[in-house]
PDB file of N, CA and C in Angstrom:
ATOM      1  N   UNK A   1      64.058 190.004 130.852  1.00  0.00           N
ATOM      2  CA  UNK A   1      62.885 189.246 131.240  1.00  0.00           C
ATOM      3  C   UNK A   1      61.662 189.853 130.571  1.00  0.00           C
ATOM      4  N   UNK A   2      60.715 189.009 130.150  1.00  0.00           N
ATOM      5  CA  UNK A   2      59.504 189.460 129.500  1.00  0.00           C
ATOM      6  C   UNK A   2      58.618 190.132 130.529  1.00  0.00           C
ATOM      7  N   UNK A   3      58.135 191.300 130.184  1.00  0.00           N
ATOM      8  CA  UNK A   3      57.315 192.097 131.088  1.00  0.00           C
ATOM      9  C   UNK A   3      55.882 191.563 131.142  1.00  0.00           C
ATOM     10  N   UNK A   4      55.233 191.690 132.295  1.00  0.00           N
ATOM     11  CA  UNK A   4      53.822 191.341 132.423  1.00  0.00           C
ATOM     12  C   UNK A   4      52.979 192.564 132.094  1.00  0.00           C
ATOM     13  N   UNK A   5      51.909 192.357 131.367  1.00  0.00           N
ATOM     14  CA  UNK A   5      51.043 193.453 130.945  1.00  0.00           C
ATOM     15  C   UNK A   5      49.649 193.267 131.525  1.00  0.00           C
ATOM     16  N   UNK A   6      48.988 194.386 131.769  1.00  0.00           N
ATOM     17  CA  UNK A   6      47.646 194.326 132.339  1.00  0.00           C
ATOM     18  C   UNK A   6      46.569 194.172 131.270  1.00  0.00           C
ATOM     19  N   UNK A   7      46.867 194.615 130.035  1.00  0.00           N
ATOM     20  CA  UNK A   7      45.891 194.505 128.948  1.00  0.00           C
ATOM     21  C   UNK A   7      46.590 194.626 127.599  1.00  0.00           C
ATOM     22  N   UNK A   8      45.836 194.431 126.540  1.00  0.00           N
ATOM     23  CA  UNK A   8      46.382 194.468 125.180  1.00  0.00           C
ATOM     24  C   UNK A   8      46.937 195.837 124.828  1.00  0.00           C
ATOM     25  N   UNK A   9      46.257 196.874 125.241  1.00  0.00           N
ATOM     26  CA  UNK A   9      46.693 198.234 124.911  1.00  0.00           C
ATOM     27  C   UNK A   9      48.063 198.531 125.512  1.00  0.00           C
ATOM     28  N   UNK A  10      48.281 198.110 126.752  1.00  0.00           N
ATOM     29  CA  UNK A  10      49.576 198.323 127.402  1.00  0.00           C
ATOM     30  C   UNK A  10      50.676 197.555 126.673  1.00  0.00           C
ATOM     31  N   UNK A  11      50.375 196.338 126.263  1.00  0.00           N
ATOM     32  CA  UNK A  11      51.337 195.526 125.533  1.00  0.00           C
ATOM     33  C   UNK A  11      51.712 196.197 124.213  1.00  0.00           C
ATOM     34  N   UNK A  12      50.717 196.642 123.461  1.00  0.00           N
ATOM     35  CA  UNK A  12      50.974 197.261 122.159  1.00  0.00           C
ATOM     36  C   UNK A  12      51.727 198.580 122.306  1.00  0.00           C
ATOM     37  N   UNK A  13      51.411 199.340 123.345  1.00  0.00           N
ATOM     38  CA  UNK A  13      52.122 200.599 123.603  1.00  0.00           C
ATOM     39  C   UNK A  13      53.589 200.311 123.918  1.00  0.00           C
ATOM     40  N   UNK A  14      53.834 199.301 124.724  1.00  0.00           N
ATOM     41  CA  UNK A  14      55.205 198.929 125.078  1.00  0.00           C
ATOM     42  C   UNK A  14      55.973 198.471 123.835  1.00  0.00           C
ATOM     43  N   UNK A  15      55.320 197.693 122.976  1.00  0.00           N
ATOM     44  CA  UNK A  15      55.954 197.239 121.736  1.00  0.00           C
ATOM     45  C   UNK A  15      56.337 198.425 120.860  1.00  0.00           C
ATOM     46  N   UNK A  16      55.463 199.430 120.798  1.00  0.00           N
ATOM     47  CA  UNK A  16      55.774 200.644 120.042  1.00  0.00           C
ATOM     48  C   UNK A  16      56.956 201.384 120.652  1.00  0.00           C
ATOM     49  N   UNK A  17      56.959 201.509 121.968  1.00  0.00           N
ATOM     50  CA  UNK A  17      58.035 202.216 122.663  1.00  0.00           C
ATOM     51  C   UNK A  17      59.391 201.544 122.442  1.00  0.00           C
ATOM     52  N   UNK A  18      59.390 200.231 122.323  1.00  0.00           N
ATOM     53  CA  UNK A  18      60.630 199.476 122.116  1.00  0.00           C
ATOM     54  C   UNK A  18      60.974 199.317 120.634  1.00  0.00           C
ATOM     55  N   UNK A  19      60.208 199.964 119.754  1.00  0.00           N
ATOM     56  CA  UNK A  19      60.401 199.870 118.296  1.00  0.00           C
ATOM     57  C   UNK A  19      60.315 198.428 117.791  1.00  0.00           C
ATOM     58  N   UNK A  20      59.459 197.649 118.415  1.00  0.00           N
ATOM     59  CA  UNK A  20      59.257 196.269 118.001  1.00  0.00           C
ATOM     60  C   UNK A  20      57.823 196.010 117.534  1.00  0.00           C
ATOM     61  N   UNK A  21      57.050 197.065 117.385  1.00  0.00           N
ATOM     62  CA  UNK A  21      55.646 196.916 116.995  1.00  0.00           C
ATOM     63  C   UNK A  21      55.513 196.241 115.628  1.00  0.00           C
ATOM     64  N   UNK A  22      56.305 196.684 114.649  1.00  0.00           N
ATOM     65  CA  UNK A  22      56.219 196.087 113.309  1.00  0.00           C
ATOM     66  C   UNK A  22      56.639 194.621 113.329  1.00  0.00           C
ATOM     67  N   UNK A  23      57.586 194.292 114.174  1.00  0.00           N
ATOM     68  CA  UNK A  23      57.969 192.878 114.320  1.00  0.00           C
ATOM     69  C   UNK A  23      56.810 192.067 114.881  1.00  0.00           C
ATOM     70  N   UNK A  24      56.074 192.650 115.815  1.00  0.00           N
ATOM     71  CA  UNK A  24      54.901 191.986 116.385  1.00  0.00           C
ATOM     72  C   UNK A  24      53.834 191.767 115.320  1.00  0.00           C
ATOM     73  N   UNK A  25      53.586 192.779 114.508  1.00  0.00           N
ATOM     74  CA  UNK A  25      52.608 192.662 113.423  1.00  0.00           C
ATOM     75  C   UNK A  25      53.043 191.566 112.451  1.00  0.00           C
ATOM     76  N   UNK A  26      54.326 191.542 112.114  1.00  0.00           N
ATOM     77  CA  UNK A  26      54.850 190.522 111.196  1.00  0.00           C
ATOM     78  C   UNK A  26      54.703 189.117 111.771  1.00  0.00           C
ATOM     79  N   UNK A  27      54.976 188.976 113.064  1.00  0.00           N
ATOM     80  CA  UNK A  27      54.838 187.671 113.713  1.00  0.00           C
ATOM     81  C   UNK A  27      53.384 187.221 113.722  1.00  0.00           C
ATOM     82  N   UNK A  28      52.483 188.140 114.015  1.00  0.00           N
ATOM     83  CA  UNK A  28      51.053 187.811 113.970  1.00  0.00           C
ATOM     84  C   UNK A  28      50.649 187.366 112.569  1.00  0.00           C
ATOM     85  N   UNK A  29      51.071 188.124 111.564  1.00  0.00           N
ATOM     86  CA  UNK A  29      50.736 187.795 110.175  1.00  0.00           C
ATOM     87  C   UNK A  29      51.254 186.413 109.818  1.00  0.00           C
ATOM     88  N   UNK A  30      52.489 186.142 110.189  1.00  0.00           N
ATOM     89  CA  UNK A  30      53.109 184.857 109.883  1.00  0.00           C
ATOM     90  C   UNK A  30      52.334 183.701 110.509  1.00  0.00           C
ATOM     91  N   UNK A  31      51.987 183.824 111.786  1.00  0.00           N
ATOM     92  CA  UNK A  31      51.290 182.728 112.464  1.00  0.00           C
ATOM     93  C   UNK A  31      49.851 182.568 111.983  1.00  0.00           C
ATOM     94  N   UNK A  32      49.187 183.672 111.680  1.00  0.00           N
ATOM     95  CA  UNK A  32      47.828 183.568 111.146  1.00  0.00           C
ATOM     96  C   UNK A  32      47.846 182.876 109.783  1.00  0.00           C
ATOM     97  N   UNK A  33      48.800 183.224 108.937  1.00  0.00           N
ATOM     98  CA  UNK A  33      48.914 182.576 107.621  1.00  0.00           C
ATOM     99  C   UNK A  33      49.237 181.100 107.803  1.00  0.00           C
ATOM    100  N   UNK A  34      50.156 180.806 108.705  1.00  0.00           N
ATOM    101  CA  UNK A  34      50.526 179.410 108.962  1.00  0.00           C
ATOM    102  C   UNK A  34      49.326 178.602 109.451  1.00  0.00           C
ATOM    103  N   UNK A  35      48.435 179.245 110.207  1.00  0.00           N
ATOM    104  CA  UNK A  35      47.224 178.579 110.699  1.00  0.00           C
ATOM    105  C   UNK A  35      46.107 178.581 109.652  1.00  0.00           C
ATOM    106  N   UNK A  36      46.407 179.140 108.476  1.00  0.00           N
ATOM    107  CA  UNK A  36      45.439 179.210 107.375  1.00  0.00           C
ATOM    108  C   UNK A  36      44.217 180.050 107.734  1.00  0.00           C
ATOM    109  N   UNK A  37      44.470 181.156 108.450  1.00  0.00           N
ATOM    110  CA  UNK A  37      43.430 182.098 108.842  1.00  0.00           C
ATOM    111  C   UNK A  37      43.790 183.445 108.240  1.00  0.00           C
ATOM    112  N   UNK A  38      42.944 183.943 107.355  1.00  0.00           N
ATOM    113  CA  UNK A  38      43.248 185.203 106.680  1.00  0.00           C
ATOM    114  C   UNK A  38      42.828 186.398 107.533  1.00  0.00           C
ATOM    115  N   UNK A  39      43.790 187.299 107.763  1.00  0.00           N
ATOM    116  CA  UNK A  39      43.534 188.584 108.411  1.00  0.00           C
ATOM    117  C   UNK A  39      44.370 189.608 107.663  1.00  0.00           C
ATOM    118  N   UNK A  40      43.780 190.751 107.365  1.00  0.00           N
ATOM    119  CA  UNK A  40      44.480 191.793 106.621  1.00  0.00           C
ATOM    120  C   UNK A  40      45.151 192.765 107.578  1.00  0.00           C
ATOM    121  N   UNK A  41      46.449 192.555 107.790  1.00  0.00           N
ATOM    122  CA  UNK A  41      47.246 193.488 108.583  1.00  0.00           C
ATOM    123  C   UNK A  41      47.988 194.387 107.601  1.00  0.00           C
ATOM    124  N   UNK A  42      47.335 195.443 107.166  1.00  0.00           N
ATOM    125  CA  UNK A  42      47.915 196.345 106.181  1.00  0.00           C
ATOM    126  C   UNK A  42      49.126 197.068 106.767  1.00  0.00           C
ATOM    127  N   UNK A  43      50.064 197.454 105.906  1.00  0.00           N
ATOM    128  CA  UNK A  43      51.211 198.231 106.401  1.00  0.00           C
ATOM    129  C   UNK A  43      50.720 199.519 107.060  1.00  0.00           C
ATOM    130  N   UNK A  44      51.313 199.858 108.172  1.00  0.00           N
ATOM    131  CA  UNK A  44      50.929 201.072 108.877  1.00  0.00           C
ATOM    132  C   UNK A  44      49.712 200.908 109.764  1.00  0.00           C
ATOM    133  N   UNK A  45      49.308 199.673 110.029  1.00  0.00           N
ATOM    134  CA  UNK A  45      48.141 199.430 110.886  1.00  0.00           C
ATOM    135  C   UNK A  45      48.437 199.959 112.292  1.00  0.00           C
ATOM    136  N   UNK A  46      47.468 200.653 112.853  1.00  0.00           N
ATOM    137  CA  UNK A  46      47.640 201.215 114.190  1.00  0.00           C
ATOM    138  C   UNK A  46      47.404 200.131 115.242  1.00  0.00           C
ATOM    139  N   UNK A  47      47.899 200.324 116.441  1.00  0.00           N
ATOM    140  CA  UNK A  47      47.671 199.335 117.503  1.00  0.00           C
ATOM    141  C   UNK A  47      46.179 199.091 117.779  1.00  0.00           C
ATOM    142  N   UNK A  48      45.379 200.141 117.725  1.00  0.00           N
ATOM    143  CA  UNK A  48      43.940 199.982 117.964  1.00  0.00           C
ATOM    144  C   UNK A  48      43.312 199.123 116.870  1.00  0.00           C
ATOM    145  N   UNK A  49      43.675 199.387 115.614  1.00  0.00           N
ATOM    146  CA  UNK A  49      43.154 198.586 114.498  1.00  0.00           C
ATOM    147  C   UNK A  49      43.625 197.137 114.596  1.00  0.00           C
ATOM    148  N   UNK A  50      44.888 196.954 114.975  1.00  0.00           N
ATOM    149  CA  UNK A  50      45.437 195.605 115.100  1.00  0.00           C
ATOM    150  C   UNK A  50      44.661 194.810 116.143  1.00  0.00           C
ATOM    151  N   UNK A  51      44.479 195.394 117.297  1.00  0.00           N
ATOM    152  CA  UNK A  51      43.741 194.727 118.371  1.00  0.00           C
ATOM    153  C   UNK A  51      42.316 194.405 117.922  1.00  0.00           C
ATOM    154  N   UNK A  52      41.681 195.355 117.251  1.00  0.00           N
ATOM    155  CA  UNK A  52      40.309 195.160 116.780  1.00  0.00           C
ATOM    156  C   UNK A  52      40.229 194.032 115.756  1.00  0.00           C
ATOM    157  N   UNK A  53      41.161 193.994 114.823  1.00  0.00           N
ATOM    158  CA  UNK A  53      41.133 192.943 113.793  1.00  0.00           C
ATOM    159  C   UNK A  53      41.365 191.566 114.382  1.00  0.00           C
ATOM    160  N   UNK A  54      42.300 191.472 115.312  1.00  0.00           N
ATOM    161  CA  UNK A  54      42.551 190.176 115.952  1.00  0.00           C
ATOM    162  C   UNK A  54      41.323 189.759 116.757  1.00  0.00           C
ATOM    163  N   UNK A  55      40.753 190.686 117.500  1.00  0.00           N
ATOM    164  CA  UNK A  55      39.557 190.402 118.299  1.00  0.00           C
ATOM    165  C   UNK A  55      38.400 189.941 117.421  1.00  0.00           C
ATOM    166  N   UNK A  56      38.164 190.650 116.336  1.00  0.00           N
ATOM    167  CA  UNK A  56      37.069 190.272 115.425  1.00  0.00           C
ATOM    168  C   UNK A  56      37.295 188.887 114.835  1.00  0.00           C
ATOM    169  N   UNK A  57      38.539 188.593 114.465  1.00  0.00           N
ATOM    170  CA  UNK A  57      38.838 187.290 113.878  1.00  0.00           C
ATOM    171  C   UNK A  57      38.682 186.184 114.910  1.00  0.00           C
ATOM    172  N   UNK A  58      39.135 186.413 116.123  1.00  0.00           N
ATOM    173  CA  UNK A  58      38.987 185.407 117.184  1.00  0.00           C
ATOM    174  C   UNK A  58      37.507 185.149 117.455  1.00  0.00           C
ATOM    175  N   UNK A  59      36.723 186.213 117.545  1.00  0.00           N
ATOM    176  CA  UNK A  59      35.284 186.070 117.771  1.00  0.00           C
ATOM    177  C   UNK A  59      34.643 185.253 116.645  1.00  0.00           C
ATOM    178  N   UNK A  60      34.979 185.603 115.406  1.00  0.00           N
ATOM    179  CA  UNK A  60      34.434 184.891 114.250  1.00  0.00           C
ATOM    180  C   UNK A  60      34.812 183.405 114.297  1.00  0.00           C
ATOM    181  N   UNK A  61      36.059 183.122 114.597  1.00  0.00           N
ATOM    182  CA  UNK A  61      36.506 181.731 114.630  1.00  0.00           C
ATOM    183  C   UNK A  61      35.811 180.943 115.726  1.00  0.00           C
ATOM    184  N   UNK A  62      35.630 181.549 116.873  1.00  0.00           N
ATOM    185  CA  UNK A  62      34.924 180.853 117.959  1.00  0.00           C
ATOM    186  C   UNK A  62      33.490 180.539 117.542  1.00  0.00           C
ATOM    187  N   UNK A  63      32.844 181.506 116.921  1.00  0.00           N
ATOM    188  CA  UNK A  63      31.432 181.349 116.572  1.00  0.00           C
ATOM    189  C   UNK A  63      31.192 180.489 115.322  1.00  0.00           C
ATOM    190  N   UNK A  64      32.075 180.582 114.331  1.00  0.00           N
ATOM    191  CA  UNK A  64      31.813 179.962 113.036  1.00  0.00           C
ATOM    192  C   UNK A  64      32.741 178.805 112.672  1.00  0.00           C
ATOM    193  N   UNK A  65      33.991 178.868 113.107  1.00  0.00           N
ATOM    194  CA  UNK A  65      34.981 177.874 112.693  1.00  0.00           C
ATOM    195  C   UNK A  65      35.837 177.475 113.892  1.00  0.00           C
ATOM    196  N   UNK A  66      35.229 176.751 114.791  1.00  0.00           N
ATOM    197  CA  UNK A  66      35.890 176.439 116.052  1.00  0.00           C
ATOM    198  C   UNK A  66      37.171 175.624 115.861  1.00  0.00           C
ATOM    199  N   UNK A  67      37.189 174.704 114.918  1.00  0.00           N
ATOM    200  CA  UNK A  67      38.409 173.910 114.702  1.00  0.00           C
ATOM    201  C   UNK A  67      39.553 174.802 114.204  1.00  0.00           C
ATOM    202  N   UNK A  68      39.242 175.819 113.386  1.00  0.00           N
ATOM    203  CA  UNK A  68      40.269 176.771 112.952  1.00  0.00           C
ATOM    204  C   UNK A  68      40.764 177.611 114.132  1.00  0.00           C
ATOM    205  N   UNK A  69      39.857 177.928 115.037  1.00  0.00           N
ATOM    206  CA  UNK A  69      40.220 178.660 116.260  1.00  0.00           C
ATOM    207  C   UNK A  69      41.209 177.842 117.090  1.00  0.00           C
ATOM    208  N   UNK A  70      40.916 176.569 117.283  1.00  0.00           N
ATOM    209  CA  UNK A  70      41.814 175.700 118.041  1.00  0.00           C
ATOM    210  C   UNK A  70      43.161 175.558 117.349  1.00  0.00           C
ATOM    211  N   UNK A  71      43.134 175.457 116.030  1.00  0.00           N
ATOM    212  CA  UNK A  71      44.377 175.364 115.261  1.00  0.00           C
ATOM    213  C   UNK A  71      45.210 176.638 115.430  1.00  0.00           C
ATOM    214  N   UNK A  72      44.565 177.795 115.399  1.00  0.00           N
ATOM    215  CA  UNK A  72      45.270 179.059 115.591  1.00  0.00           C
ATOM    216  C   UNK A  72      45.934 179.101 116.966  1.00  0.00           C
ATOM    217  N   UNK A  73      45.205 178.697 117.988  1.00  0.00           N
ATOM    218  CA  UNK A  73      45.784 178.679 119.339  1.00  0.00           C
ATOM    219  C   UNK A  73      46.990 177.745 119.403  1.00  0.00           C
ATOM    220  N   UNK A  74      46.904 176.634 118.692  1.00  0.00           N
ATOM    221  CA  UNK A  74      48.014 175.689 118.654  1.00  0.00           C
ATOM    222  C   UNK A  74      49.224 176.298 117.943  1.00  0.00           C
ATOM    223  N   UNK A  75      48.992 176.916 116.800  1.00  0.00           N
ATOM    224  CA  UNK A  75      50.077 177.521 116.017  1.00  0.00           C
ATOM    225  C   UNK A  75      50.737 178.658 116.797  1.00  0.00           C
ATOM    226  N   UNK A  76      49.919 179.505 117.416  1.00  0.00           N
ATOM    227  CA  UNK A  76      50.459 180.626 118.188  1.00  0.00           C
ATOM    228  C   UNK A  76      51.143 180.112 119.455  1.00  0.00           C
ATOM    229  N   UNK A  77      50.714 178.969 119.934  1.00  0.00           N
ATOM    230  CA  UNK A  77      51.262 178.324 121.127  1.00  0.00           C
ATOM    231  C   UNK A  77      50.747 178.970 122.411  1.00  0.00           C
ATOM    232  N   UNK A  78      49.441 179.212 122.440  1.00  0.00           N
ATOM    233  CA  UNK A  78      48.794 179.682 123.664  1.00  0.00           C
ATOM    234  C   UNK A  78      48.538 178.446 124.528  1.00  0.00           C
ATOM    235  N   UNK A  79      49.027 178.434 125.765  1.00  0.00           N
ATOM    236  CA  UNK A  79      48.851 177.253 126.614  1.00  0.00           C
ATOM    237  C   UNK A  79      47.374 176.916 126.861  1.00  0.00           C
ATOM    238  N   UNK A  80      47.079 175.639 126.782  1.00  0.00           N
ATOM    239  CA  UNK A  80      45.704 175.172 126.976  1.00  0.00           C
ATOM    240  C   UNK A  80      45.176 175.538 128.353  1.00  0.00           C
ATOM    241  N   UNK A  81      46.020 175.441 129.373  1.00  0.00           N
ATOM    242  CA  UNK A  81      45.561 175.753 130.734  1.00  0.00           C
ATOM    243  C   UNK A  81      45.167 177.222 130.866  1.00  0.00           C
ATOM    244  N   UNK A  82      45.818 178.109 130.109  1.00  0.00           N
ATOM    245  CA  UNK A  82      45.462 179.531 130.139  1.00  0.00           C
ATOM    246  C   UNK A  82      44.082 179.738 129.536  1.00  0.00           C
ATOM    247  N   UNK A  83      43.824 179.083 128.423  1.00  0.00           N
ATOM    248  CA  UNK A  83      42.517 179.219 127.767  1.00  0.00           C
ATOM    249  C   UNK A  83      41.421 178.615 128.647  1.00  0.00           C
ATOM    250  N   UNK A  84      41.699 177.476 129.249  1.00  0.00           N
ATOM    251  CA  UNK A  84      40.704 176.836 130.114  1.00  0.00           C
ATOM    252  C   UNK A  84      40.422 177.647 131.376  1.00  0.00           C
ATOM    253  N   UNK A  85      41.381 178.450 131.800  1.00  0.00           N
ATOM    254  CA  UNK A  85      41.198 179.230 133.020  1.00  0.00           C
ATOM    255  C   UNK A  85      40.427 180.532 132.805  1.00  0.00           C
ATOM    256  N   UNK A  86      40.099 180.840 131.566  1.00  0.00           N
ATOM    257  CA  UNK A  86      39.344 182.070 131.285  1.00  0.00           C
ATOM    258  C   UNK A  86      37.939 181.932 131.859  1.00  0.00           C
ATOM    259  N   UNK A  87      37.598 182.877 132.718  1.00  0.00           N
ATOM    260  CA  UNK A  87      36.265 182.882 133.312  1.00  0.00           C
ATOM    261  C   UNK A  87      35.501 184.062 132.754  1.00  0.00           C
ATOM    262  N   UNK A  88      34.608 183.770 131.846  1.00  0.00           N
ATOM    263  CA  UNK A  88      33.812 184.817 131.213  1.00  0.00           C
ATOM    264  C   UNK A  88      32.407 184.278 130.993  1.00  0.00           C
ATOM    265  N   UNK A  89      31.496 185.207 130.842  1.00  0.00           N
ATOM    266  CA  UNK A  89      30.104 184.801 130.698  1.00  0.00           C
ATOM    267  C   UNK A  89      29.615 184.814 129.266  1.00  0.00           C
ATOM    268  N   UNK A  90      30.319 185.531 128.380  1.00  0.00           N
ATOM    269  CA  UNK A  90      29.874 185.540 126.990  1.00  0.00           C
ATOM    270  C   UNK A  90      31.059 185.472 126.035  1.00  0.00           C
ATOM    271  N   UNK A  91      30.761 185.245 124.782  1.00  0.00           N
ATOM    272  CA  UNK A  91      31.781 185.028 123.772  1.00  0.00           C
ATOM    273  C   UNK A  91      32.634 186.273 123.549  1.00  0.00           C
ATOM    274  N   UNK A  92      32.057 187.441 123.704  1.00  0.00           N
ATOM    275  CA  UNK A  92      32.821 188.679 123.511  1.00  0.00           C
ATOM    276  C   UNK A  92      33.931 188.776 124.560  1.00  0.00           C
ATOM    277  N   UNK A  93      33.601 188.499 125.802  1.00  0.00           N
ATOM    278  CA  UNK A  93      34.609 188.541 126.873  1.00  0.00           C
ATOM    279  C   UNK A  93      35.688 187.484 126.649  1.00  0.00           C
ATOM    280  N   UNK A  94      35.278 186.306 126.258  1.00  0.00           N
ATOM    281  CA  UNK A  94      36.238 185.242 125.972  1.00  0.00           C
ATOM    282  C   UNK A  94      37.150 185.664 124.826  1.00  0.00           C
ATOM    283  N   UNK A  95      36.573 186.233 123.782  1.00  0.00           N
ATOM    284  CA  UNK A  95      37.358 186.694 122.636  1.00  0.00           C
ATOM    285  C   UNK A  95      38.375 187.749 123.042  1.00  0.00           C
ATOM    286  N   UNK A  96      37.973 188.665 123.908  1.00  0.00           N
ATOM    287  CA  UNK A  96      38.885 189.712 124.364  1.00  0.00           C
ATOM    288  C   UNK A  96      40.055 189.111 125.138  1.00  0.00           C
ATOM    289  N   UNK A  97      39.759 188.163 126.013  1.00  0.00           N
ATOM    290  CA  UNK A  97      40.825 187.556 126.807  1.00  0.00           C
ATOM    291  C   UNK A  97      41.743 186.684 125.954  1.00  0.00           C
ATOM    292  N   UNK A  98      41.166 185.959 125.008  1.00  0.00           N
ATOM    293  CA  UNK A  98      41.978 185.127 124.114  1.00  0.00           C
ATOM    294  C   UNK A  98      42.848 186.011 123.223  1.00  0.00           C
ATOM    295  N   UNK A  99      42.301 187.125 122.763  1.00  0.00           N
ATOM    296  CA  UNK A  99      43.086 188.072 121.965  1.00  0.00           C
ATOM    297  C   UNK A  99      44.292 188.555 122.763  1.00  0.00           C
ATOM    298  N   UNK A 100      44.076 188.886 124.018  1.00  0.00           N
ATOM    299  CA  UNK A 100      45.171 189.320 124.881  1.00  0.00           C
ATOM    300  C   UNK A 100      46.215 188.211 125.025  1.00  0.00           C
ATOM    301  N   UNK A 101      45.770 186.978 125.197  1.00  0.00           N
ATOM    302  CA  UNK A 101      46.699 185.853 125.335  1.00  0.00           C
ATOM    303  C   UNK A 101      47.491 185.628 124.044  1.00  0.00           C
ATOM    304  N   UNK A 102      46.839 185.775 122.906  1.00  0.00           N
ATOM    305  CA  UNK A 102      47.535 185.647 121.623  1.00  0.00           C
ATOM    306  C   UNK A 102      48.587 186.743 121.488  1.00  0.00           C
ATOM    307  N   UNK A 103      48.207 187.974 121.789  1.00  0.00           N
ATOM    308  CA  UNK A 103      49.158 189.082 121.687  1.00  0.00           C
ATOM    309  C   UNK A 103      50.335 188.896 122.650  1.00  0.00           C
ATOM    310  N   UNK A 104      50.052 188.412 123.865  1.00  0.00           N
ATOM    311  CA  UNK A 104      51.133 188.171 124.825  1.00  0.00           C
ATOM    312  C   UNK A 104      52.104 187.121 124.304  1.00  0.00           C
ATOM    313  N   UNK A 105      51.582 186.045 123.762  1.00  0.00           N
ATOM    314  CA  UNK A 105      52.449 184.962 123.268  1.00  0.00           C
ATOM    315  C   UNK A 105      53.266 185.429 122.070  1.00  0.00           C
ATOM    316  N   UNK A 106      52.628 186.160 121.170  1.00  0.00           N
ATOM    317  CA  UNK A 106      53.351 186.678 120.008  1.00  0.00           C
ATOM    318  C   UNK A 106      54.419 187.680 120.454  1.00  0.00           C
ATOM    319  N   UNK A 107      54.108 188.490 121.461  1.00  0.00           N
ATOM    320  CA  UNK A 107      55.094 189.430 121.991  1.00  0.00           C
ATOM    321  C   UNK A 107      56.295 188.682 122.559  1.00  0.00           C
ATOM    322  N   UNK A 108      56.041 187.583 123.276  1.00  0.00           N
ATOM    323  CA  UNK A 108      57.147 186.785 123.819  1.00  0.00           C
ATOM    324  C   UNK A 108      58.078 186.320 122.706  1.00  0.00           C
ATOM    325  N   UNK A 109      57.499 185.845 121.612  1.00  0.00           N
ATOM    326  CA  UNK A 109      58.309 185.381 120.484  1.00  0.00           C
ATOM    327  C   UNK A 109      59.184 186.512 119.940  1.00  0.00           C
ATOM    328  N   UNK A 110      58.575 187.678 119.759  1.00  0.00           N
ATOM    329  CA  UNK A 110      59.307 188.836 119.234  1.00  0.00           C
ATOM    330  C   UNK A 110      60.390 189.269 120.215  1.00  0.00           C
ATOM    331  N   UNK A 111      60.055 189.341 121.492  1.00  0.00           N
ATOM    332  CA  UNK A 111      61.004 189.796 122.508  1.00  0.00           C
ATOM    333  C   UNK A 111      62.201 188.843 122.607  1.00  0.00           C
ATOM    334  N   UNK A 112      61.911 187.530 122.652  1.00  0.00           N
ATOM    335  CA  UNK A 112      63.001 186.559 122.747  1.00  0.00           C
ATOM    336  C   UNK A 112      63.904 186.625 121.516  1.00  0.00           C
ATOM    337  N   UNK A 113      63.310 186.775 120.341  1.00  0.00           N
ATOM    338  CA  UNK A 113      64.106 186.883 119.123  1.00  0.00           C
ATOM    339  C   UNK A 113      64.997 188.121 119.166  1.00  0.00           C
ATOM    340  N   UNK A 114      64.471 189.221 119.681  1.00  0.00           N
ATOM    341  CA  UNK A 114      65.241 190.449 119.786  1.00  0.00           C
ATOM    342  C   UNK A 114      66.370 190.328 120.810  1.00  0.00           C
ATOM    343  N   UNK A 115      66.063 189.721 121.950  1.00  0.00           N
ATOM    344  CA  UNK A 115      67.041 189.597 123.027  1.00  0.00           C
ATOM    345  C   UNK A 115      68.148 188.591 122.721  1.00  0.00           C
ATOM    346  N   UNK A 116      67.767 187.477 122.112  1.00  0.00           N
ATOM    347  CA  UNK A 116      68.718 186.383 121.956  1.00  0.00           C
ATOM    348  C   UNK A 116      69.095 186.093 120.511  1.00  0.00           C
ATOM    349  N   UNK A 117      68.591 186.908 119.586  1.00  0.00           N
ATOM    350  CA  UNK A 117      68.953 186.762 118.178  1.00  0.00           C
ATOM    351  C   UNK A 117      68.343 185.551 117.515  1.00  0.00           C
ATOM    352  N   UNK A 118      68.384 185.569 116.199  1.00  0.00           N
ATOM    353  CA  UNK A 118      67.961 184.478 115.320  1.00  0.00           C
ATOM    354  C   UNK A 118      66.842 184.864 114.439  1.00  0.00           C
TER     355      UNK A 118
END
């Protein structure tokens, strides 16, 4: 069963502990490219850098390219009701929560692939 996480850092730490961190980075890269959103996930990127880059990109997309932001959420498959339920007062808080939701969804994809093959 997919574990529930309290924040992005806990999720990334768990992915590292399970030796699935690189798979998570690869899945993120794949979906960002598919959504036509460029993010540089260099080999050997640390969890802190990964979280920061995703957060910065989400913030940028919300502020500058909202349709690309919506497309990314669609490609990653973040449920609309989850995004609508975010209660925040500023764009930074929204970006942080959306980043967490993106990481959670990407983790689910990696975990299911690992558990059930393919």
